[in-house]
């Protein structure tokens, strides 16, 4: 009885250690099955002939049936035809399916080619009904896919898509004026609300403000005799300018209370260093791994406190890796001599001849004149400064500007600025950390520090 399965292509599922085998049955007995042209787990097996024991077989599925007496060179022909859908064209209501070339060729097969038997129920085997059930499910799924394709691609093409859209006709149907009138009619009347707010206090609509908007108190500093200009910070705090006499009173009160010049110049130099480091590029330029692009800063110092502050700033810049050169005409001032002695310890250059200054610099610090002791600036220094394309930062310059030099930035020694001219450029105010006792002794009515978390704040002219 088992000889009738010779030549059948089967798929055998074995125990876990052996895997799955596919091949053609060439020998069958009660204890074993021998397969030829064998595949193991989908991979061709070597040798191609394998004998499997009955105790190792879990299940056998017949893939195709063949008669062993048929010609060996005949190939099995699939009984199922896979149709290829053809795209719709104009004038065709449903999509069609083209018969593959392989099917057309198979329909003209010669007489010596034998077709597989149409009835598989004639073989008395327990696995054949299961195979019939699988084939029935396959046919049902293919029919379902075909119906789905017909629903998706078989609808007729809408001929209205070929017509051009009339934009002018459809735009005329939209009455913009009526729409805007409807929107404006629903918009709340702000004027009417503001008039009724005073009459009905405590009753507000959902689109009304609960809190009355009042102007913020930005004036925190009051002086007895303010200057002609007012300045405002980035936070909106108004800082009044003061007269030169009031500034001298503040400096005198600071000296009496122990806030000496040596303390103030360190804070002023530190503030100038902070601004200059940002102007030079910050961390992008001043990097230990970027030593070949070391910036150069030239400090022009006069024999007074402003010049001493410029030298102090140059000394602090050297600790950040900046190459500095200090120019002085004479060193008769005691404050300048003190700062020069400390600067020379850095090993950087001190020049007294303007012709020895570098031809190009990244930034120039100007401390050539001040309000306390104004003096005439050397014309050669003015010429060299103006011919250089570097940015100019003035340290505590005169309120009327440095003669012959237009500065781009100016750092002012706090706590309050004088009335400065436009030649001093953008103004920055340094925090000298003066206690409140200094202001009360100088006659300032009210003072509250405007610096907040910063050591230096920019000042803008208050045009309001």
Protein backbone atom coordinates (compact mmCIF):
# COMPACT_ATOMS: atom_id res chain seq x y z
CA UNK A 1 0.00 0.00 0.00
CA UNK A 2 2.89 2.32 0.72
CA UNK A 3 4.28 1.96 -2.80
CA UNK A 4 1.60 4.31 -4.16
CA UNK A 5 3.39 7.25 -2.46
CA UNK A 6 6.62 6.71 -4.37
CA UNK A 7 7.48 9.83 -6.34
CA UNK A 8 5.39 12.15 -4.16
CA UNK A 9 6.94 15.41 -2.96
CA UNK A 10 6.42 15.66 0.78
CA UNK A 11 7.31 17.91 3.70
CA UNK A 12 8.27 15.99 6.84
CA UNK A 13 8.41 17.57 10.29
CA UNK A 14 10.75 15.73 12.61
CA UNK A 15 11.67 16.09 16.23
CA UNK A 16 13.41 19.30 17.27
CA UNK A 17 16.95 18.01 16.93
CA UNK A 18 16.47 16.90 13.29
CA UNK A 19 14.40 19.76 11.87
CA UNK A 20 12.15 19.79 8.75
CA UNK A 21 12.87 17.93 5.50
CA UNK A 22 11.40 18.31 2.02
CA UNK A 23 12.00 15.98 -0.87
CA UNK A 24 10.69 13.23 -3.16
CA UNK A 25 9.88 9.80 -1.75
CA UNK A 26 11.97 7.06 -3.38
CA UNK A 27 11.51 4.27 -0.79
CA UNK A 28 8.93 3.60 1.94
CA UNK A 29 8.64 0.76 4.51
CA UNK A 30 7.15 0.31 7.97
CA UNK A 31 10.17 1.73 9.78
CA UNK A 32 11.62 4.44 7.50
CA UNK A 33 11.11 6.83 4.59
CA UNK A 34 13.83 7.61 2.05
CA UNK A 35 13.83 11.03 0.32
CA UNK A 36 15.74 12.19 -2.76
CA UNK A 37 16.53 15.78 -3.82
CA UNK A 38 16.33 16.62 -0.13
CA UNK A 39 16.10 20.05 1.49
CA UNK A 40 16.74 20.43 5.25
CA UNK A 41 15.13 23.54 6.77
CA UNK A 42 14.96 25.11 3.31
CA UNK A 43 18.66 24.43 2.49
CA UNK A 44 19.80 21.75 -0.01
CA UNK A 45 21.01 18.72 1.91
CA UNK A 46 24.20 16.82 1.14
CA UNK A 47 24.06 13.97 0.35
CA UNK A 48 20.78 14.54 -1.56
CA UNK A 49 19.30 11.23 -0.38
CA UNK A 50 18.22 10.91 3.28
CA UNK A 51 16.54 8.06 5.19
CA UNK A 52 14.32 9.11 8.10
CA UNK A 53 13.14 6.67 10.82
CA UNK A 54 9.45 6.48 11.69
CA UNK A 55 10.03 7.23 15.38
CA UNK A 56 11.72 10.56 14.48
CA UNK A 57 8.80 11.78 12.29
CA UNK A 58 6.12 13.97 13.83
CA UNK A 59 4.04 14.90 10.76
CA UNK A 60 4.03 14.37 6.97
CA UNK A 61 2.42 16.79 4.50
CA UNK A 62 2.10 15.84 0.84
CA UNK A 63 3.06 18.77 -1.35
CA UNK A 64 2.46 17.11 -4.78
CA UNK A 65 1.68 13.67 -6.05
CA UNK A 66 3.44 11.98 -8.95
CA UNK A 67 3.30 8.57 -10.56
CA UNK A 68 6.63 6.74 -10.42
CA UNK A 69 5.94 5.17 -13.86
CA UNK A 70 5.82 8.58 -15.56
CA UNK A 71 8.74 10.00 -17.49
CA UNK A 72 11.52 11.33 -15.28
CA UNK A 73 12.08 14.47 -17.35
CA UNK A 74 8.54 15.74 -16.92
CA UNK A 75 8.19 18.73 -14.60
CA UNK A 76 5.16 19.34 -12.42
CA UNK A 77 2.87 22.18 -13.52
CA UNK A 78 1.23 24.31 -10.86
CA UNK A 79 -2.54 23.94 -10.78
CA UNK A 80 -3.00 27.54 -9.58
CA UNK A 81 -2.78 30.55 -11.89
CA UNK A 82 -1.54 33.85 -10.45
CA UNK A 83 -3.05 36.74 -12.35
CA UNK A 84 -1.23 40.04 -12.77
CA UNK A 85 -3.53 43.10 -12.48
CA UNK A 86 -3.42 45.64 -15.32
CA UNK A 87 -3.74 49.37 -14.56
CA UNK A 88 -7.00 51.06 -15.50
CA UNK A 89 -7.28 53.13 -18.61
CA UNK A 90 -9.90 55.64 -19.71
CA UNK A 91 -13.02 53.95 -21.01
CA UNK A 92 -12.50 50.78 -18.94
CA UNK A 93 -14.85 50.40 -15.98
CA UNK A 94 -13.03 47.64 -14.11
CA UNK A 95 -9.45 46.48 -13.90
CA UNK A 96 -8.52 43.33 -15.75
CA UNK A 97 -6.01 40.64 -15.12
CA UNK A 98 -3.55 39.41 -17.67
CA UNK A 99 -2.68 35.77 -17.90
CA UNK A 100 1.04 35.26 -17.35
CA UNK A 101 3.19 34.08 -20.19
CA UNK A 102 4.02 30.95 -18.24
CA UNK A 103 0.33 29.95 -18.18
CA UNK A 104 -0.04 30.55 -21.92
CA UNK A 105 2.91 28.33 -22.55
CA UNK A 106 1.57 25.71 -20.15
CA UNK A 107 -1.78 25.69 -22.03
CA UNK A 108 0.14 24.62 -25.16
CA UNK A 109 2.10 21.86 -23.51
CA UNK A 110 2.90 18.82 -25.67
CA UNK A 111 1.01 15.59 -25.21
CA UNK A 112 3.86 13.83 -23.47
CA UNK A 113 3.53 16.20 -20.45
CA UNK A 114 1.26 14.73 -17.85
CA UNK A 115 -0.85 16.99 -15.67
CA UNK A 116 -1.12 16.26 -11.95
CA UNK A 117 -4.20 14.32 -10.89
CA UNK A 118 -7.14 16.63 -10.13
CA UNK A 119 -8.52 14.48 -7.35
CA UNK A 120 -6.30 13.97 -4.33
CA UNK A 121 -9.04 12.27 -2.30
CA UNK A 122 -8.45 8.96 -4.04
CA UNK A 123 -5.30 8.34 -2.00
CA UNK A 124 -6.15 6.72 1.30
CA UNK A 125 -3.99 8.72 3.64
CA UNK A 126 -4.88 10.64 6.78
CA UNK A 127 -2.97 13.76 5.68
CA UNK A 128 -4.82 14.22 2.37
CA UNK A 129 -8.02 15.73 3.85
CA UNK A 130 -5.82 18.20 5.69
CA UNK A 131 -4.11 19.09 2.41
CA UNK A 132 -7.51 19.60 0.76
CA UNK A 133 -8.50 21.94 3.62
CA UNK A 134 -5.31 23.96 3.20
CA UNK A 135 -5.88 24.22 -0.57
CA UNK A 136 -9.45 25.38 0.04
CA UNK A 137 -8.29 28.07 2.44
CA UNK A 138 -5.69 29.22 -0.10
CA UNK A 139 -8.35 29.54 -2.81
CA UNK A 140 -10.59 31.52 -0.44
CA UNK A 141 -7.79 33.91 0.51
CA UNK A 142 -6.85 34.45 -3.14
CA UNK A 143 -10.47 35.17 -4.01
CA UNK A 144 -10.65 37.65 -1.12
CA UNK A 145 -7.54 39.43 -2.37
CA UNK A 146 -8.96 39.55 -5.91
CA UNK A 147 -12.24 41.07 -4.66
CA UNK A 148 -10.28 43.64 -2.67
CA UNK A 149 -8.29 44.64 -5.75
CA UNK A 150 -11.51 44.98 -7.74
CA UNK A 151 -12.96 47.28 -5.09
CA UNK A 152 -9.82 49.41 -4.90
CA UNK A 153 -8.88 49.63 -8.58
CA UNK A 154 -12.03 48.56 -10.43
CA UNK A 155 -14.09 51.72 -10.00
CA UNK A 156 -14.61 53.82 -13.12
CA UNK A 157 -12.57 56.97 -13.58
CA UNK A 158 -14.42 60.15 -12.72
CA UNK A 159 -14.68 62.09 -15.95
CA UNK A 160 -15.08 65.34 -14.00
CA UNK A 161 -11.39 65.30 -13.16
CA UNK A 162 -10.61 66.14 -16.76
CA UNK A 163 -12.53 69.43 -16.51
CA UNK A 164 -10.61 72.60 -15.63
CA UNK A 165 -11.39 74.32 -12.33
CA UNK A 166 -12.90 77.78 -12.71
CA UNK A 167 -11.16 79.85 -10.03
CA UNK A 168 -12.86 83.15 -10.88
CA UNK A 169 -16.34 81.66 -10.73
CA UNK A 170 -15.75 80.03 -7.35
CA UNK A 171 -14.03 83.16 -5.96
CA UNK A 172 -17.07 85.22 -6.86
CA UNK A 173 -19.19 82.95 -4.64
CA UNK A 174 -17.16 84.04 -1.58
CA UNK A 175 -18.46 87.32 -0.17
CA UNK A 176 -15.47 88.62 1.77
CA UNK A 177 -17.18 91.81 2.86
CA UNK A 178 -20.01 89.91 4.56
CA UNK A 179 -17.55 87.63 6.33
CA UNK A 180 -15.56 90.57 7.69
CA UNK A 181 -18.72 92.26 8.91
CA UNK A 182 -19.71 89.11 10.76
CA UNK A 183 -16.28 88.87 12.39
CA UNK A 184 -16.30 92.53 13.42
CA UNK A 185 -19.78 92.21 14.90
CA UNK A 186 -18.56 89.46 17.24
CA UNK A 187 -15.38 91.33 18.24
CA UNK A 188 -15.54 92.82 21.78
CA UNK A 189 -15.73 96.60 22.01
CA UNK A 190 -12.59 97.58 23.93
CA UNK A 191 -13.60 101.23 24.25
CA UNK A 192 -16.99 100.34 25.68
CA UNK A 193 -15.42 97.92 28.14
CA UNK A 194 -12.98 100.56 29.40
CA UNK A 195 -15.85 103.01 29.98
CA UNK A 196 -18.00 100.50 31.81
CA UNK A 197 -15.14 99.20 33.92
CA UNK A 198 -15.22 102.24 36.20
CA UNK A 199 -18.98 101.88 36.77
CA UNK A 200 -19.00 98.11 37.41
CA UNK A 201 -15.92 97.44 39.53
CA UNK A 202 -15.57 93.85 40.58
CA UNK A 203 -17.53 92.48 37.61
CA UNK A 204 -15.39 91.43 34.65
CA UNK A 205 -15.98 89.53 31.45
CA UNK A 206 -13.92 86.50 30.47
CA UNK A 207 -11.97 88.60 27.98
CA UNK A 208 -11.20 91.50 30.37
CA UNK A 209 -8.13 92.04 32.53
CA UNK A 210 -8.67 91.38 36.21
CA UNK A 211 -5.70 93.49 37.34
CA UNK A 212 -5.35 97.11 36.40
CA UNK A 213 -2.14 97.77 34.47
CA UNK A 214 -0.01 100.41 36.17
CA UNK A 215 3.34 101.82 35.12
CA UNK A 216 6.27 100.06 36.78
CA UNK A 217 8.36 102.09 39.21
CA UNK A 218 11.73 102.14 37.38
CA UNK A 219 13.28 105.15 39.12
CA UNK A 220 15.19 103.81 42.12
CA UNK A 221 17.92 106.48 42.31
CA UNK A 222 17.31 110.12 43.25
CA UNK A 223 20.10 112.73 43.44
CA UNK A 224 19.88 116.36 44.59
CA UNK A 225 21.29 117.87 41.37
CA UNK A 226 20.93 115.51 38.37
CA UNK A 227 22.75 116.12 35.10
CA UNK A 228 21.23 117.01 31.75
CA UNK A 229 20.88 113.36 30.59
CA UNK A 230 19.34 110.22 31.95
CA UNK A 231 20.38 106.67 31.16
CA UNK A 232 18.46 103.42 31.29
CA UNK A 233 19.71 99.85 31.76
CA UNK A 234 18.64 96.70 29.92
CA UNK A 235 16.21 95.97 32.77
CA UNK A 236 14.54 99.38 32.40
CA UNK A 237 16.05 101.03 35.49
CA UNK A 238 16.58 104.76 35.11
CA UNK A 239 20.00 106.03 36.21
CA UNK A 240 20.39 109.82 36.35
CA UNK A 241 23.64 111.48 35.41
CA UNK A 242 25.41 113.56 38.07
CA UNK A 243 27.60 116.63 38.09
CA UNK A 244 31.38 116.61 38.50
CA UNK A 245 31.08 118.15 41.97
CA UNK A 246 28.80 115.33 43.19
CA UNK A 247 31.20 112.78 41.76
CA UNK A 248 34.08 114.34 43.70
CA UNK A 249 31.96 114.25 46.88
CA UNK A 250 31.30 110.50 46.35
CA UNK A 251 35.01 109.78 45.80
CA UNK A 252 35.97 111.85 48.88
CA UNK A 253 33.41 110.01 51.04
CA UNK A 254 34.73 106.67 49.81
CA UNK A 255 38.32 107.60 50.68
CA UNK A 256 37.28 108.70 54.18
CA UNK A 257 35.44 105.41 54.79
CA UNK A 258 38.41 103.29 53.72
CA UNK A 259 37.38 102.50 50.11
CA UNK A 260 40.75 103.72 48.80
CA UNK A 261 41.89 104.15 45.23
CA UNK A 262 43.85 100.88 45.34
CA UNK A 263 40.60 99.01 46.05
CA UNK A 264 38.61 100.83 43.40
CA UNK A 265 41.20 100.51 40.62
CA UNK A 266 41.26 96.72 40.99
CA UNK A 267 37.49 96.58 40.51
CA UNK A 268 37.69 98.99 37.57
CA UNK A 269 40.47 96.97 35.94
CA UNK A 270 38.56 93.75 36.50
CA UNK A 271 35.45 95.24 34.85
CA UNK A 272 37.52 96.41 31.86
CA UNK A 273 39.08 92.95 31.56
CA UNK A 274 35.64 91.33 31.47
CA UNK A 275 34.50 93.58 28.60
CA UNK A 276 37.72 93.18 26.62
CA UNK A 277 37.72 89.37 26.88
CA UNK A 278 34.26 89.31 25.32
CA UNK A 279 35.27 91.77 22.59
CA UNK A 280 38.29 89.61 21.72
CA UNK A 281 36.15 86.53 21.16
CA UNK A 282 35.85 84.95 24.58
CA UNK A 283 36.45 81.20 24.78
CA UNK A 284 36.61 80.85 20.98
CA UNK A 285 39.73 83.04 20.77
CA UNK A 286 41.31 82.63 24.21
CA UNK A 287 41.89 78.90 24.33
CA UNK A 288 45.04 77.09 25.54
CA UNK A 289 44.92 74.95 22.38
CA UNK A 290 44.72 78.07 20.16
CA UNK A 291 48.02 79.74 21.08
CA UNK A 292 48.89 80.65 17.47
CA UNK A 293 46.08 83.26 17.43
CA UNK A 294 46.98 85.08 20.62
CA UNK A 295 45.37 88.58 20.56
CA UNK A 296 47.36 91.77 21.10
CA UNK A 297 46.10 94.69 23.19
CA UNK A 298 47.80 98.11 23.41
CA UNK A 299 47.17 100.33 26.48
CA UNK A 300 47.76 104.08 26.11
CA UNK A 301 48.26 105.48 29.62
CA UNK A 302 48.50 109.08 30.77
CA UNK A 303 50.00 110.36 34.07
CA UNK A 304 46.76 110.22 36.12
CA UNK A 305 44.27 107.79 37.60
CA UNK A 306 42.62 106.97 34.27
CA UNK A 307 46.01 105.95 32.86
CA UNK A 308 46.74 103.89 35.98
CA UNK A 309 43.41 102.07 35.48
CA UNK A 310 44.37 101.30 31.86
CA UNK A 311 47.69 99.77 33.03
CA UNK A 312 45.86 97.77 35.70
CA UNK A 313 43.50 96.41 33.05
CA UNK A 314 46.47 95.42 30.85
CA UNK A 315 48.08 93.59 33.79
CA UNK A 316 44.93 91.57 34.42
CA UNK A 317 44.66 90.73 30.72
CA UNK A 318 48.10 89.11 30.80
CA UNK A 319 46.81 86.55 33.30
CA UNK A 320 44.32 85.41 30.64
CA UNK A 321 46.96 84.80 27.99
CA UNK A 322 46.60 88.12 26.14
CA UNK A 323 49.72 89.79 24.71
CA UNK A 324 49.81 93.40 25.93
CA UNK A 325 51.92 96.51 25.27
CA UNK A 326 51.74 99.62 27.49
CA UNK A 327 52.61 103.08 26.15
CA UNK A 328 53.42 105.95 28.56
CA UNK A 329 54.83 109.39 27.74
CA UNK A 330 55.95 110.12 31.32
CA UNK A 331 55.48 108.45 34.66
CA UNK A 332 55.33 111.41 37.03
CA UNK A 333 52.02 110.43 38.62
CA UNK A 334 52.22 108.30 41.77
CA UNK A 335 49.20 106.21 40.85
CA UNK A 336 50.68 105.40 37.42
CA UNK A 337 54.07 104.52 38.93
CA UNK A 338 52.47 102.07 41.31
CA UNK A 339 50.59 100.25 38.53
CA UNK A 340 53.62 100.26 36.20
CA UNK A 341 55.78 98.59 38.82
CA UNK A 342 53.26 95.76 39.09
CA UNK A 343 52.82 95.51 35.31
CA UNK A 344 56.55 95.14 34.68
CA UNK A 345 56.52 91.96 36.77
CA UNK A 346 54.54 90.26 34.00
CA UNK A 347 57.43 90.60 31.53
CA UNK A 348 55.36 92.36 28.88
CA UNK A 349 56.60 95.46 27.04
CA UNK A 350 56.46 99.09 28.18
CA UNK A 351 57.09 101.61 25.36
CA UNK A 352 57.73 105.35 25.53
CA UNK A 353 58.11 105.88 21.75
CA UNK A 354 54.95 105.69 19.66
CA UNK A 355 56.97 104.47 16.67
CA UNK A 356 57.75 101.21 18.49
CA UNK A 357 54.11 100.31 18.96
CA UNK A 358 52.84 97.37 16.86
CA UNK A 359 51.40 98.24 13.47
CA UNK A 360 48.25 96.25 14.14
CA UNK A 361 46.41 95.49 17.36
CA UNK A 362 43.22 93.66 18.22
CA UNK A 363 42.08 96.29 20.71
CA UNK A 364 43.31 99.63 22.11
CA UNK A 365 42.77 100.77 25.70
CA UNK A 366 42.72 104.56 25.98
CA UNK A 367 43.50 106.25 29.30
CA UNK A 368 45.07 109.49 28.05
CA UNK A 369 42.85 112.09 29.73
CA UNK A 370 40.34 112.51 32.54
CA UNK A 371 37.93 115.07 33.97
CA UNK A 372 39.96 115.55 37.17
CA UNK A 373 43.10 116.69 35.28
CA UNK A 374 42.45 117.31 31.55
CA UNK A 375 45.52 117.52 29.33
CA UNK A 376 46.50 117.74 25.67
CA UNK A 377 47.15 114.39 23.94
CA UNK A 378 50.24 113.88 21.77
CA UNK A 379 49.38 114.26 18.08
CA UNK A 380 51.52 111.25 17.11
CA UNK A 381 49.55 109.05 19.51
CA UNK A 382 46.28 110.36 18.04
CA UNK A 383 47.51 109.64 14.51
CA UNK A 384 48.62 106.09 15.37
CA UNK A 385 45.32 105.37 17.12
CA UNK A 386 43.17 106.64 14.27
CA UNK A 387 45.21 104.79 11.63
CA UNK A 388 44.75 101.51 13.50
CA UNK A 389 41.60 99.58 12.69
CA UNK A 390 41.25 98.07 16.14
CA UNK A 391 38.32 98.75 18.45
CA UNK A 392 38.94 101.45 21.07
CA UNK A 393 37.88 101.13 24.70
CA UNK A 394 38.30 104.17 26.95
CA UNK A 395 38.79 103.66 30.70
CA UNK A 396 37.03 106.39 32.72
CA UNK A 397 37.35 109.04 29.94
CA UNK A 398 36.39 112.71 30.26
CA UNK A 399 32.70 113.42 29.81
CA UNK A 400 33.57 115.62 26.81
CA UNK A 401 35.56 112.79 25.19
CA UNK A 402 39.27 112.15 24.59
CA UNK A 403 40.67 114.96 22.40
CA UNK A 404 41.19 113.78 18.80
CA UNK A 405 40.03 110.18 19.41
CA UNK A 406 36.56 108.76 18.87
CA UNK A 407 36.04 105.72 21.08
CA UNK A 408 33.73 102.84 20.32
CA UNK A 409 33.28 101.80 23.97
CA UNK A 410 33.77 103.57 27.29
CA UNK A 411 33.95 102.07 30.78
CA UNK A 412 32.82 104.49 33.47
CA UNK A 413 33.91 104.32 37.08
CA UNK A 414 30.75 104.07 39.16
CA UNK A 415 28.69 104.42 41.04
CA UNK A 416 26.90 107.05 38.90
CA UNK A 417 27.82 108.39 35.44
CA UNK A 418 28.48 111.92 34.28
CA UNK A 419 26.76 113.44 31.25
CA UNK A 420 28.87 111.97 28.43
CA UNK A 421 29.09 113.05 24.80
CA UNK A 422 28.59 110.86 21.72
CA UNK A 423 32.38 110.59 21.07
CA UNK A 424 32.67 108.20 24.02
CA UNK A 425 30.60 105.58 22.16
CA UNK A 426 28.66 102.91 24.03
CA UNK A 427 28.77 103.38 27.79
CA UNK A 428 29.32 100.70 30.42
CA UNK A 429 29.11 101.33 34.16
CA UNK A 430 31.40 99.39 36.53
CA UNK A 431 30.34 98.34 40.02
CA UNK A 432 32.84 99.66 42.59
CA UNK A 433 30.91 98.10 45.52
CA UNK A 434 30.51 101.32 47.50
CA UNK A 435 28.46 101.00 50.73
CA UNK A 436 25.27 103.01 51.32
CA UNK A 437 27.09 105.20 53.84
CA UNK A 438 29.02 106.79 50.94
CA UNK A 439 25.80 107.98 49.29
CA UNK A 440 24.21 109.27 52.47
CA UNK A 441 27.35 111.27 53.30
CA UNK A 442 27.46 112.73 49.78
CA UNK A 443 23.84 113.91 49.99
CA UNK A 444 22.21 111.41 47.61
CA UNK A 445 18.49 111.23 48.39
CA UNK A 446 17.97 107.60 47.50
CA UNK A 447 20.22 104.96 45.99
CA UNK A 448 19.52 101.33 45.15
CA UNK A 449 22.11 99.27 43.28
CA UNK A 450 21.13 98.74 39.61
CA UNK A 451 23.77 96.05 38.94
CA UNK A 452 21.88 92.97 40.11
CA UNK A 453 23.89 89.82 39.21
CA UNK A 454 26.39 91.69 36.98
CA UNK A 455 29.67 93.51 37.59
CA UNK A 456 29.22 95.67 34.48
CA UNK A 457 25.94 96.95 33.00
CA UNK A 458 25.40 98.81 29.69
CA UNK A 459 23.83 102.27 29.71
CA UNK A 460 21.48 103.55 27.03
CA UNK A 461 20.32 107.12 26.58
CA UNK A 462 16.80 107.53 27.94
CA UNK A 463 14.84 109.12 25.10
CA UNK A 464 11.40 108.79 26.75
